[in-house]
């Protein structure tokens, strides 16, 4: 799946990737993302090698 959408949300400092997923998913749902799109991003974050890599995935799907 090639998702080009971005989400507006805020990541509090010191948040790990699993807590960040929860915040990100809420924002994505508020912005009308489909369940398949959200699940795709969740899978990418969970499969990341560590918190930094998982947060980098979320950063890619975030407006700056």
Protein backbone atom coordinates (compact mmCIF):
# COMPACT_ATOMS: atom_id res chain seq x y z
CA UNK A 1 0.00 0.00 0.00
CA UNK A 2 1.35 3.42 -0.89
CA UNK A 3 -0.09 5.97 1.52
CA UNK A 4 0.78 9.60 0.87
CA UNK A 5 -1.50 11.15 3.47
CA UNK A 6 -0.23 12.85 6.59
CA UNK A 7 -1.81 13.37 10.01
CA UNK A 8 -1.82 16.46 12.23
CA UNK A 9 -1.07 15.43 15.78
CA UNK A 10 1.33 16.14 18.64
CA UNK A 11 3.83 13.65 20.06
CA UNK A 12 4.64 14.46 23.68
CA UNK A 13 8.38 14.23 24.46
CA UNK A 14 9.53 10.90 25.85
CA UNK A 15 6.67 8.92 24.33
CA UNK A 16 7.52 5.37 23.20
CA UNK A 17 6.33 3.97 19.91
CA UNK A 18 3.44 1.95 21.35
CA UNK A 19 1.98 4.90 23.26
CA UNK A 20 2.58 7.04 20.18
CA UNK A 21 0.60 4.60 18.03
CA UNK A 22 -2.43 5.15 20.25
CA UNK A 23 -2.20 8.93 19.86
CA UNK A 24 -1.50 8.72 16.14
CA UNK A 25 -4.40 6.33 15.47
CA UNK A 26 -6.86 8.67 17.19
CA UNK A 27 -5.66 11.55 15.02
CA UNK A 28 -5.78 9.46 11.83
CA UNK A 29 -9.32 8.30 12.58
CA UNK A 30 -10.38 11.90 13.24
CA UNK A 31 -8.99 12.81 9.80
CA UNK A 32 -10.93 10.05 8.04
CA UNK A 33 -8.25 7.46 7.37
CA UNK A 34 -9.58 4.02 6.46
CA UNK A 35 -9.10 1.05 8.74
CA UNK A 36 -6.76 -0.55 6.18
CA UNK A 37 -4.57 2.58 6.02
CA UNK A 38 -4.34 2.82 9.80
CA UNK A 39 -3.54 -0.88 10.12
CA UNK A 40 -0.80 -0.59 7.51
CA UNK A 41 0.95 2.15 9.51
CA UNK A 42 0.49 0.24 12.78
CA UNK A 43 2.12 -2.81 11.21
CA UNK A 44 5.08 -0.72 10.05
CA UNK A 45 5.57 0.74 13.54
CA UNK A 46 5.29 -2.62 15.31
CA UNK A 47 7.71 -4.26 12.86
CA UNK A 48 10.31 -1.51 13.39
CA UNK A 49 13.51 -2.64 15.09
CA UNK A 50 13.22 -0.23 18.03
CA UNK A 51 11.34 2.80 19.38
CA UNK A 52 13.41 5.25 17.33
CA UNK A 53 12.67 3.43 14.08
CA UNK A 54 8.99 3.13 14.97
CA UNK A 55 8.74 6.82 15.77
CA UNK A 56 10.48 7.60 12.49
CA UNK A 57 7.70 5.74 10.67
CA UNK A 58 5.08 7.82 12.47
CA UNK A 59 7.06 10.96 11.72
CA UNK A 60 6.84 10.17 8.00
CA UNK A 61 3.03 10.12 8.26
CA UNK A 62 2.95 13.41 10.18
CA UNK A 63 2.58 16.98 8.88
CA UNK A 64 5.53 19.10 9.92
